[in-house]
Amino acid sequence: MKDIIDIIKRFLFFSTFFLLVSLINSCMVYRAVRYWMPEIHEYNAFPQAKIASSADKYHLPVAIDSLIVNMKLPPIAGRDTTRLTVDEYLAKSATTAYLLIKDDTIIYEQYYRGYDRSKISVTFSITKSVTSLLVGIAVDEGFIKSVHDLVIDYIPELRKGDPRFQKLTIEHLLNMQAGLRFEESYTNPFKGMARLFYGRNQLRQLKKLKFEQDPGEKYAYNSATTAILGIALEKAIKKPYAEYLEEKVWKPLGMEYDASMSLDDRRNRSAKSYYGLSATAIDLAKIGRLYLNYGNWNGKQIVSKEWIENSITPNMEEGHIETRRGYQYQWMSEERIRHFRDSTGAIFNNLTNTVRFAEELSLPYYDIRKNRRADTSEYWIVTEFSPEFYAFGIMSQILFVDPERKIIMVRLGEIWDHGTGVRPLTRDLVRRYPVLEKKW
């Protein structure tokens, strides 16, 4: 009897072992274990579609600004009071590329950690903003008739899913108002984001998603929303994402280097439209220049002015209180803390008074949010959306545009920097230092 039990135990052990090995080598678990967390140089972790550079390359003029080069910045962190140059500041951070353009001229450009101008890296969610650009072009060309079209008109496979797919529109996807139940996490291979990111068939997974609320009711950022948008785009234009990007953007803008787009699988070849664009900083900057000029590229309208205006105008559909807004057509609007005290100097402890004060300011776009002190008591802050807008990816990949000062900034990096070497640095350069403000 004991021998039989031992045989059964061995059989169960080896059966389980070989089953796990089979699963790991045949599905998304293998990718999750192999690559664990996304990295900016791992574009070869997935099948790639090439995006060829332009034969007629456009080169921005370079005039490095000595004021920026020699400027001394506060230390990154800690008790060290040593002031650093911009280059020293960035070198201590996880930055791989930093590019600053003013009035169509490169005034600062540096690369770190073995990167140079020609080396591409994964842009993560900056890809979402590029997807929006392609959707805009598809709308202009009539492939997508309207942003109010139902998504099931382009992806009929979703008709058999959750009934609320029947209400989902292209604009709901653009504004992250799909209402999907989805967890944006890479660390657990059995959660939504990891399954989408490492999986080999995007559409098959997306068809299974459920909704938390009806489309259009609430803003909730998640990558599944843009993944559906990318599939709708490819089905509408009837060609691969990378091919359309090359034809409509990469070559017309005179991109200097080849880029690539990650695909879910060699057989399905569905573009990872929420994550998968790998490109250089200088070519990303040209997308910023396109938006700065309302879709016009040296006299040619690449995408309609109306699309750009819609993309960079903060979305205020959900009201002004306790919701993150401003996200419009896969672009983010910059927020500035405007007030946490009223005209008498008192901190806002009352929501009603905060709303009244904000309305008296006649701010075009603002938000009111609740904060807590260390003693857990509540107070309120009024923030204002500025004209600045940006595309943002994990680990602080940033394409930042300031239309008032005609500034474009691109920052790419290997890991999260917790505020060092990214947008705060650009704000320092154009706001904290009066000499640059006057010069510009």
Protein backbone atom coordinates (compact mmCIF):
# COMPACT_ATOMS: atom_id res chain seq x y z
CA MET A 1 0.00 0.00 0.00
CA LYS A 2 2.83 2.35 0.92
CA ASP A 3 4.52 1.68 -2.45
CA ILE A 4 1.30 2.55 -4.30
CA ILE A 5 0.96 5.81 -2.36
CA ASP A 6 4.60 6.70 -3.16
CA ILE A 7 3.99 6.01 -6.85
CA ILE A 8 0.88 8.21 -6.83
CA LYS A 9 2.78 11.00 -5.07
CA ARG A 10 5.60 10.82 -7.61
CA PHE A 11 3.10 10.82 -10.47
CA LEU A 12 1.29 13.86 -9.09
CA PHE A 13 4.57 15.70 -8.46
CA PHE A 14 6.00 15.12 -11.94
CA SER A 15 2.64 15.72 -13.63
CA THR A 16 2.33 19.06 -11.83
CA PHE A 17 5.95 19.93 -12.62
CA PHE A 18 5.62 19.22 -16.34
CA LEU A 19 2.27 21.00 -16.47
CA LEU A 20 3.83 24.14 -14.95
CA VAL A 21 6.81 23.94 -17.32
CA SER A 22 4.40 23.60 -20.22
CA LEU A 23 2.38 26.61 -19.07
CA ILE A 24 5.46 28.74 -18.52
CA ASN A 25 6.82 27.96 -21.96
CA SER A 26 3.55 28.27 -23.86
CA CYS A 27 1.77 31.35 -22.52
CA MET A 28 2.12 34.75 -20.97
CA VAL A 29 3.48 33.32 -17.68
CA TYR A 30 6.80 32.66 -19.43
CA ARG A 31 7.08 36.31 -20.49
CA ALA A 32 6.07 37.50 -17.03
CA VAL A 33 8.73 35.36 -15.37
CA ARG A 34 11.37 36.05 -18.04
CA TYR A 35 11.03 39.83 -18.14
CA TRP A 36 9.25 40.49 -14.83
CA MET A 37 9.04 44.30 -14.95
CA PRO A 38 9.09 46.42 -18.15
CA GLU A 39 12.38 48.05 -19.09
CA ILE A 40 13.09 50.72 -21.69
CA HIS A 41 15.61 48.59 -23.60
CA GLU A 42 13.46 45.45 -23.79
CA TYR A 43 11.74 46.18 -27.07
CA ASN A 44 13.03 42.85 -28.35
CA ALA A 45 11.11 41.01 -25.63
CA PHE A 46 8.17 40.98 -28.05
CA PRO A 47 7.83 40.62 -31.81
CA GLN A 48 8.46 43.99 -33.48
CA ALA A 49 7.12 45.82 -36.51
CA LYS A 50 9.63 48.20 -38.04
CA ILE A 51 8.80 51.89 -38.61
CA ALA A 52 11.27 53.21 -41.17
CA SER A 53 12.85 56.64 -40.89
CA SER A 54 12.37 59.26 -43.57
CA ALA A 55 14.65 59.52 -46.58
CA ASP A 56 14.21 63.30 -46.30
CA LYS A 57 15.26 63.80 -42.68
CA TYR A 58 14.35 66.99 -40.87
CA HIS A 59 17.05 68.35 -38.57
CA LEU A 60 16.29 70.97 -35.97
CA PRO A 61 18.98 73.65 -35.67
CA VAL A 62 21.19 73.47 -32.59
CA ALA A 63 22.30 76.44 -30.49
CA ILE A 64 23.22 75.16 -27.03
CA ASP A 65 22.39 77.80 -24.44
CA SER A 66 25.40 78.52 -22.19
CA LEU A 67 23.11 79.93 -19.51
CA ILE A 68 21.47 76.52 -19.13
CA VAL A 69 24.77 74.64 -19.34
CA ASN A 70 26.31 76.75 -16.57
CA MET A 71 23.22 77.09 -14.39
CA LYS A 72 23.48 75.73 -10.85
CA LEU A 73 20.51 73.73 -9.56
CA PRO A 74 19.62 72.63 -6.03
CA PRO A 75 20.76 69.11 -5.03
CA ILE A 76 18.60 66.14 -6.00
CA ALA A 77 17.99 64.85 -2.49
CA GLY A 78 19.45 64.38 0.96
CA ARG A 79 21.38 66.80 3.11
CA ASP A 80 24.09 67.55 0.58
CA THR A 81 23.87 71.27 -0.16
CA THR A 82 26.14 71.14 -3.22
CA ARG A 83 24.52 72.92 -6.15
CA LEU A 84 24.72 71.03 -9.42
CA THR A 85 24.86 71.95 -13.08
CA VAL A 86 21.99 70.68 -15.21
CA ASP A 87 24.30 67.99 -16.61
CA GLU A 88 25.40 66.88 -13.12
CA TYR A 89 21.80 66.89 -11.96
CA LEU A 90 20.68 64.64 -14.80
CA ALA A 91 23.72 62.36 -14.55
CA LYS A 92 22.81 61.58 -10.93
CA SER A 93 19.30 60.68 -11.95
CA ALA A 94 18.14 57.69 -14.03
CA THR A 95 17.84 59.89 -17.14
CA THR A 96 19.00 58.43 -20.46
CA ALA A 97 18.05 61.37 -22.72
CA TYR A 98 17.18 65.01 -22.05
CA LEU A 99 16.26 67.37 -24.84
CA LEU A 100 15.11 70.98 -24.57
CA ILE A 101 13.85 72.92 -27.60
CA LYS A 102 12.93 76.58 -27.67
CA ASP A 103 11.59 78.44 -30.71
CA ASP A 104 12.40 75.52 -33.03
CA THR A 105 16.03 75.36 -31.85
CA ILE A 106 17.69 72.73 -29.68
CA ILE A 107 19.13 74.62 -26.72
CA TYR A 108 20.10 71.63 -24.60
CA GLU A 109 20.69 67.97 -25.49
CA GLN A 110 22.44 65.33 -23.44
CA TYR A 111 22.46 61.52 -23.16
CA TYR A 112 23.43 59.26 -20.28
CA ARG A 113 23.87 55.61 -19.23
CA GLY A 114 25.28 54.51 -22.57
CA TYR A 115 22.55 56.10 -24.69
CA ASP A 116 23.08 58.52 -27.56
CA ARG A 117 20.89 60.37 -30.03
CA SER A 118 20.41 57.32 -32.27
CA LYS A 119 19.48 54.74 -29.62
CA ILE A 120 15.78 53.95 -29.33
CA SER A 121 14.01 52.96 -26.13
CA VAL A 122 10.50 51.93 -25.15
CA THR A 123 8.32 54.99 -24.58
CA PHE A 124 5.61 53.13 -22.64
CA SER A 125 2.43 55.22 -22.33
CA ILE A 126 3.72 58.01 -24.55
CA THR A 127 2.53 55.46 -27.12
CA LYS A 128 -1.04 56.20 -26.02
CA SER A 129 -0.69 59.81 -27.17
CA VAL A 130 0.74 58.66 -30.51
CA THR A 131 -2.22 56.30 -30.88
CA SER A 132 -4.52 59.29 -30.39
CA LEU A 133 -2.67 61.14 -33.15
CA LEU A 134 -3.24 58.22 -35.54
CA VAL A 135 -6.92 58.05 -34.59
CA GLY A 136 -7.18 61.76 -35.40
CA ILE A 137 -5.65 61.17 -38.82
CA ALA A 138 -8.01 58.22 -39.39
CA VAL A 139 -10.97 60.48 -38.53
CA ASP A 140 -9.67 63.15 -40.94
CA GLU A 141 -9.39 60.53 -43.69
CA GLY A 142 -12.84 59.07 -43.04
CA PHE A 143 -11.70 55.62 -41.91
CA ILE A 144 -13.35 56.44 -38.59
CA LYS A 145 -16.50 58.40 -39.35
CA SER A 146 -16.83 60.03 -35.93
CA VAL A 147 -15.45 59.77 -32.40
CA HIS A 148 -19.05 59.09 -31.40
CA ASP A 149 -19.11 55.84 -33.38
CA LEU A 150 -19.68 52.68 -31.40
CA VAL A 151 -16.56 50.58 -30.94
CA ILE A 152 -18.47 47.40 -31.84
CA ASP A 153 -18.90 48.84 -35.35
CA TYR A 154 -15.13 48.42 -35.75
CA ILE A 155 -14.56 45.42 -33.47
CA PRO A 156 -17.62 43.18 -33.95
CA GLU A 157 -15.98 40.49 -31.80
CA LEU A 158 -16.91 42.57 -28.74
CA ARG A 159 -20.64 42.17 -29.42
CA LYS A 160 -20.58 38.82 -27.61
CA GLY A 161 -18.89 40.27 -24.52
CA ASP A 162 -20.25 42.33 -21.64
CA PRO A 163 -23.51 44.02 -22.82
CA ARG A 164 -22.04 47.44 -21.99
CA PHE A 165 -19.66 47.08 -24.93
CA GLN A 166 -22.78 48.01 -26.93
CA LYS A 167 -22.59 51.55 -25.44
CA LEU A 168 -18.84 52.10 -25.78
CA THR A 169 -17.70 54.80 -28.23
CA ILE A 170 -14.34 55.80 -29.67
CA GLU A 171 -14.45 59.00 -27.59
CA HIS A 172 -15.00 57.04 -24.39
CA LEU A 173 -11.76 55.23 -25.18
CA LEU A 174 -9.89 58.43 -26.05
CA ASN A 175 -10.86 60.03 -22.73
CA MET A 176 -10.35 56.98 -20.50
CA GLN A 177 -14.06 56.88 -19.73
CA ALA A 178 -14.71 53.32 -20.85
CA GLY A 179 -15.87 52.06 -17.45
CA LEU A 180 -13.87 48.84 -17.66
CA ARG A 181 -12.92 46.75 -14.64
CA PHE A 182 -9.16 46.51 -15.05
CA GLU A 183 -6.19 46.57 -12.69
CA GLU A 184 -3.19 48.56 -13.96
CA SER A 185 -0.44 46.41 -12.39
CA TYR A 186 2.53 44.61 -13.92
CA THR A 187 3.76 42.80 -10.82
CA ASN A 188 1.12 40.05 -10.51
CA PRO A 189 1.15 37.84 -13.64
CA PHE A 190 -2.48 36.88 -13.05
CA LYS A 191 -3.83 40.44 -12.90
CA GLY A 192 -5.24 42.44 -15.82
CA MET A 193 -2.28 44.59 -16.85
CA ALA A 194 0.28 41.78 -16.68
CA ARG A 195 -2.01 39.47 -18.63
CA LEU A 196 -2.49 42.11 -21.32
CA PHE A 197 1.17 43.12 -21.37
CA TYR A 198 2.67 39.63 -21.47
CA GLY A 199 -0.18 37.85 -23.25
CA ARG A 200 -0.06 36.63 -26.85
CA ASN A 201 -3.58 37.49 -27.98
CA GLN A 202 -4.81 40.94 -26.95
CA LEU A 203 -8.26 40.76 -28.46
CA ARG A 204 -9.04 37.40 -26.87
CA GLN A 205 -8.28 38.87 -23.44
CA LEU A 206 -10.05 42.16 -24.05
CA LYS A 207 -13.26 40.39 -25.10
CA LYS A 208 -13.48 38.90 -21.60
CA LEU A 209 -13.37 42.23 -19.75
CA LYS A 210 -16.28 43.34 -17.60
CA PHE A 211 -17.45 46.85 -16.79
CA GLU A 212 -17.63 48.60 -13.44
CA GLN A 213 -19.95 51.30 -14.72
CA ASP A 214 -21.50 52.45 -17.96
CA PRO A 215 -19.15 54.07 -20.50
CA GLY A 216 -18.89 57.83 -20.10
CA GLU A 217 -19.75 57.93 -16.39
CA LYS A 218 -16.27 58.15 -14.89
CA TYR A 219 -12.61 58.75 -15.75
CA ALA A 220 -10.41 55.74 -14.93
CA TYR A 221 -6.96 55.47 -16.50
CA ASN A 222 -6.06 52.00 -17.72
CA SER A 223 -4.14 50.52 -20.63
CA ALA A 224 -6.89 48.12 -21.70
CA THR A 225 -8.86 51.15 -22.88
CA THR A 226 -6.11 52.21 -25.29
CA ALA A 227 -5.50 48.59 -26.33
CA ILE A 228 -9.11 48.45 -27.56
CA LEU A 229 -8.64 51.84 -29.25
CA GLY A 230 -5.59 50.54 -31.12
CA ILE A 231 -7.43 47.45 -32.33
CA ALA A 232 -10.34 49.60 -33.50
CA LEU A 233 -7.85 51.80 -35.36
CA GLU A 234 -6.18 48.88 -37.15
CA LYS A 235 -9.53 47.42 -38.16
CA ALA A 236 -10.76 50.81 -39.41
CA ILE A 237 -7.69 51.58 -41.55
CA LYS A 238 -7.30 47.93 -42.62
CA LYS A 239 -3.53 48.00 -42.21
CA PRO A 240 -1.00 47.52 -39.39
CA TYR A 241 -0.49 50.28 -36.84
CA ALA A 242 3.25 50.53 -37.61
CA GLU A 243 2.63 50.87 -41.34
CA TYR A 244 0.11 53.67 -40.80
CA LEU A 245 2.43 55.45 -38.35
CA GLU A 246 5.29 55.24 -40.84
CA GLU A 247 3.18 56.49 -43.73
CA LYS A 248 1.29 59.29 -41.98
CA VAL A 249 3.76 60.53 -39.34
CA TRP A 250 7.27 59.08 -39.42
CA LYS A 251 8.10 59.89 -43.02
CA PRO A 252 6.17 63.19 -43.39
CA LEU A 253 7.84 64.56 -40.23
CA GLY A 254 11.31 63.66 -41.48
CA MET A 255 12.08 61.32 -38.60
CA GLU A 256 15.80 60.69 -38.33
CA TYR A 257 15.81 57.12 -37.00
CA ASP A 258 13.92 53.89 -37.43
CA ALA A 259 11.42 53.12 -34.68
CA SER A 260 9.51 49.95 -33.85
CA MET A 261 6.18 48.81 -32.46
CA SER A 262 5.76 45.84 -30.12
CA LEU A 263 3.22 43.20 -31.16
CA ASP A 264 1.37 40.71 -29.00
CA ASP A 265 2.41 37.70 -31.07
CA ARG A 266 4.05 36.78 -34.38
CA ARG A 267 0.81 35.22 -35.60
CA ASN A 268 -1.76 37.77 -34.33
CA ARG A 269 0.53 40.81 -34.87
CA SER A 270 -1.75 43.13 -32.89
CA ALA A 271 0.08 46.36 -31.98
CA LYS A 272 0.56 47.20 -28.31
CA SER A 273 -0.96 50.62 -28.87
CA TYR A 274 -0.87 51.50 -25.18
CA TYR A 275 2.83 50.83 -24.64
CA GLY A 276 4.85 49.49 -27.53
CA LEU A 277 6.43 52.37 -29.46
CA SER A 278 10.22 52.43 -29.25
CA ALA A 279 11.82 55.60 -30.58
CA THR A 280 14.51 58.22 -30.02
CA ALA A 281 14.13 61.43 -28.02
CA ILE A 282 14.76 63.64 -31.05
CA ASP A 283 11.98 61.99 -33.07
CA LEU A 284 9.54 62.19 -30.17
CA ALA A 285 10.31 65.90 -30.00
CA LYS A 286 9.03 66.27 -33.56
CA ILE A 287 5.64 64.95 -32.46
CA GLY A 288 5.70 67.66 -29.81
CA ARG A 289 6.51 70.19 -32.54
CA LEU A 290 3.56 68.92 -34.60
CA TYR A 291 1.20 69.53 -31.68
CA LEU A 292 2.78 72.89 -30.90
CA ASN A 293 1.92 73.94 -34.46
CA TYR A 294 -1.65 72.57 -34.31
CA GLY A 295 -1.01 69.66 -36.64
CA ASN A 296 0.85 71.64 -39.29
CA TRP A 297 4.29 70.48 -40.36
CA ASN A 298 6.20 73.03 -42.44
CA GLY A 299 3.07 74.00 -44.37
CA LYS A 300 1.45 70.55 -44.58
CA GLN A 301 -1.51 69.70 -42.33
CA ILE A 302 -0.73 66.23 -40.95
CA VAL A 303 -3.77 66.13 -38.68
CA SER A 304 -6.58 68.65 -38.39
CA LYS A 305 -6.20 71.71 -36.20
CA GLU A 306 -9.51 70.81 -34.58
CA TRP A 307 -8.12 67.44 -33.46
CA ILE A 308 -5.12 69.09 -31.80
CA GLU A 309 -7.32 71.70 -30.11
CA ASN A 310 -9.56 68.95 -28.76
CA SER A 311 -6.53 66.99 -27.57
CA ILE A 312 -4.89 69.80 -25.58
CA THR A 313 -8.02 71.33 -24.06
CA PRO A 314 -8.55 69.89 -20.54
CA ASN A 315 -11.54 67.60 -20.26
CA MET A 316 -13.88 69.01 -17.61
CA GLU A 317 -16.88 66.76 -18.19
CA GLU A 318 -16.97 65.33 -14.67
CA GLY A 319 -17.29 68.63 -12.83
CA HIS A 320 -14.67 70.31 -10.69
CA ILE A 321 -14.59 68.37 -7.44
CA GLU A 322 -12.73 65.26 -6.25
CA THR A 323 -11.99 63.76 -9.65
CA ARG A 324 -8.83 63.71 -11.68
CA ARG A 325 -9.59 65.45 -14.93
CA GLY A 326 -7.81 67.26 -17.68
CA TYR A 327 -7.05 64.01 -19.51
CA GLN A 328 -8.24 64.49 -23.05
CA TYR A 329 -7.68 62.32 -26.12
CA GLN A 330 -4.79 60.45 -24.43
CA TRP A 331 -2.90 63.66 -23.51
CA MET A 332 -2.49 65.20 -20.05
CA SER A 333 -2.82 68.85 -19.07
CA GLU A 334 -0.34 70.34 -16.63
CA GLU A 335 -1.75 71.38 -13.28
CA ARG A 336 -0.46 74.11 -11.00
CA ILE A 337 -1.46 74.41 -7.35
CA ARG A 338 -3.11 77.77 -7.45
CA HIS A 339 -4.63 78.28 -4.00
CA PHE A 340 -4.97 76.54 -0.69
CA ARG A 341 -5.75 79.76 1.22
CA ASP A 342 -8.50 82.27 0.67
CA SER A 343 -8.04 86.03 0.32
CA THR A 344 -7.70 86.42 4.12
CA GLY A 345 -4.89 83.88 4.28
CA ALA A 346 -7.02 81.18 5.84
CA ILE A 347 -6.63 77.59 4.68
CA PHE A 348 -9.68 76.14 2.94
CA ASN A 349 -11.38 73.91 5.51
CA ASN A 350 -14.81 74.13 3.95
CA LEU A 351 -15.72 72.79 0.51
CA THR A 352 -18.52 75.28 -0.07
CA ASN A 353 -16.23 78.25 0.55
CA THR A 354 -13.55 76.67 -1.65
CA VAL A 355 -15.97 76.31 -4.57
CA ARG A 356 -17.21 79.89 -4.13
CA PHE A 357 -13.64 81.22 -4.09
CA ALA A 358 -12.68 79.23 -7.20
CA GLU A 359 -15.70 80.52 -9.10
CA GLU A 360 -14.86 84.10 -8.17
CA LEU A 361 -11.42 83.63 -9.74
CA SER A 362 -13.08 82.88 -13.10
CA LEU A 363 -10.48 80.24 -13.93
CA PRO A 364 -11.13 78.62 -17.33
CA TYR A 365 -10.10 75.14 -16.16
CA TYR A 366 -9.68 74.23 -12.52
CA ASP A 367 -9.97 71.39 -10.06
CA ILE A 368 -10.78 71.16 -6.34
CA ARG A 369 -9.29 68.32 -4.36
CA LYS A 370 -9.36 67.19 -0.77
CA ASN A 371 -6.13 66.69 1.18
CA ARG A 372 -5.47 65.48 4.71
CA ARG A 373 -3.11 66.85 7.33
CA ALA A 374 -0.98 64.65 9.55
CA ASP A 375 -3.74 64.77 12.16
CA THR A 376 -6.16 63.45 9.46
CA SER A 377 -8.15 66.71 9.35
CA GLU A 378 -9.25 67.74 5.86
CA TYR A 379 -8.52 70.82 3.79
CA TRP A 380 -9.09 71.72 0.14
CA ILE A 381 -6.82 72.85 -2.69
CA VAL A 382 -7.73 74.71 -5.87
CA THR A 383 -5.54 73.76 -8.83
CA GLU A 384 -5.54 75.34 -12.26
CA PHE A 385 -4.89 73.63 -15.56
CA SER A 386 -2.26 75.56 -17.46
CA PRO A 387 -1.87 75.63 -21.27
CA GLU A 388 1.03 73.17 -20.97
CA PHE A 389 0.34 69.56 -21.95
CA TYR A 390 2.32 66.35 -22.07
CA ALA A 391 2.48 62.65 -22.86
CA PHE A 392 3.69 60.49 -20.00
CA GLY A 393 4.94 56.93 -19.60
CA ILE A 394 6.00 54.86 -16.59
CA MET A 395 9.51 55.50 -15.29
CA SER A 396 8.97 59.16 -16.23
CA GLN A 397 9.16 59.06 -20.01
CA ILE A 398 7.91 62.54 -20.88
CA LEU A 399 7.10 64.56 -23.98
CA PHE A 400 6.23 68.02 -22.60
CA VAL A 401 4.98 71.02 -24.57
CA ASP A 402 4.65 74.61 -23.36
CA PRO A 403 2.80 76.46 -26.14
CA GLU A 404 3.12 79.89 -24.49
CA ARG A 405 6.92 79.80 -24.38
CA LYS A 406 7.31 77.60 -27.47
CA ILE A 407 9.18 74.99 -25.48
CA ILE A 408 9.37 71.24 -26.11
CA MET A 409 11.05 68.91 -23.62
CA VAL A 410 11.73 65.20 -23.91
CA ARG A 411 13.04 63.19 -21.00
CA LEU A 412 13.62 59.43 -21.15
CA GLY A 413 14.92 57.33 -18.29
CA GLU A 414 15.52 53.82 -17.00
CA ILE A 415 13.69 53.86 -13.67
CA TRP A 416 11.31 56.04 -11.67
CA ASP A 417 13.07 59.21 -10.55
CA HIS A 418 10.57 60.45 -8.00
CA GLY A 419 10.63 63.96 -9.40
CA THR A 420 14.32 64.38 -10.23
CA GLY A 421 15.42 65.27 -13.72
CA VAL A 422 11.91 65.35 -15.18
CA ARG A 423 9.11 67.92 -15.38
CA PRO A 424 10.19 69.75 -12.21
CA LEU A 425 13.53 70.48 -13.87
CA THR A 426 11.81 72.03 -16.88
CA ARG A 427 9.67 74.13 -14.58
CA ASP A 428 12.86 75.27 -12.84
CA LEU A 429 14.41 76.26 -16.14
CA VAL A 430 11.50 78.36 -17.34
CA ARG A 431 9.94 79.62 -14.11
CA ARG A 432 12.32 79.65 -11.16
CA TYR A 433 15.16 81.41 -12.96
CA PRO A 434 14.19 84.96 -14.01
CA VAL A 435 17.26 85.40 -16.20
CA LEU A 436 15.95 82.72 -18.57
CA GLU A 437 12.43 84.08 -18.45
CA LYS A 438 13.70 87.49 -19.55
CA LYS A 439 16.04 86.06 -22.13
CA TRP A 440 13.26 83.98 -23.67
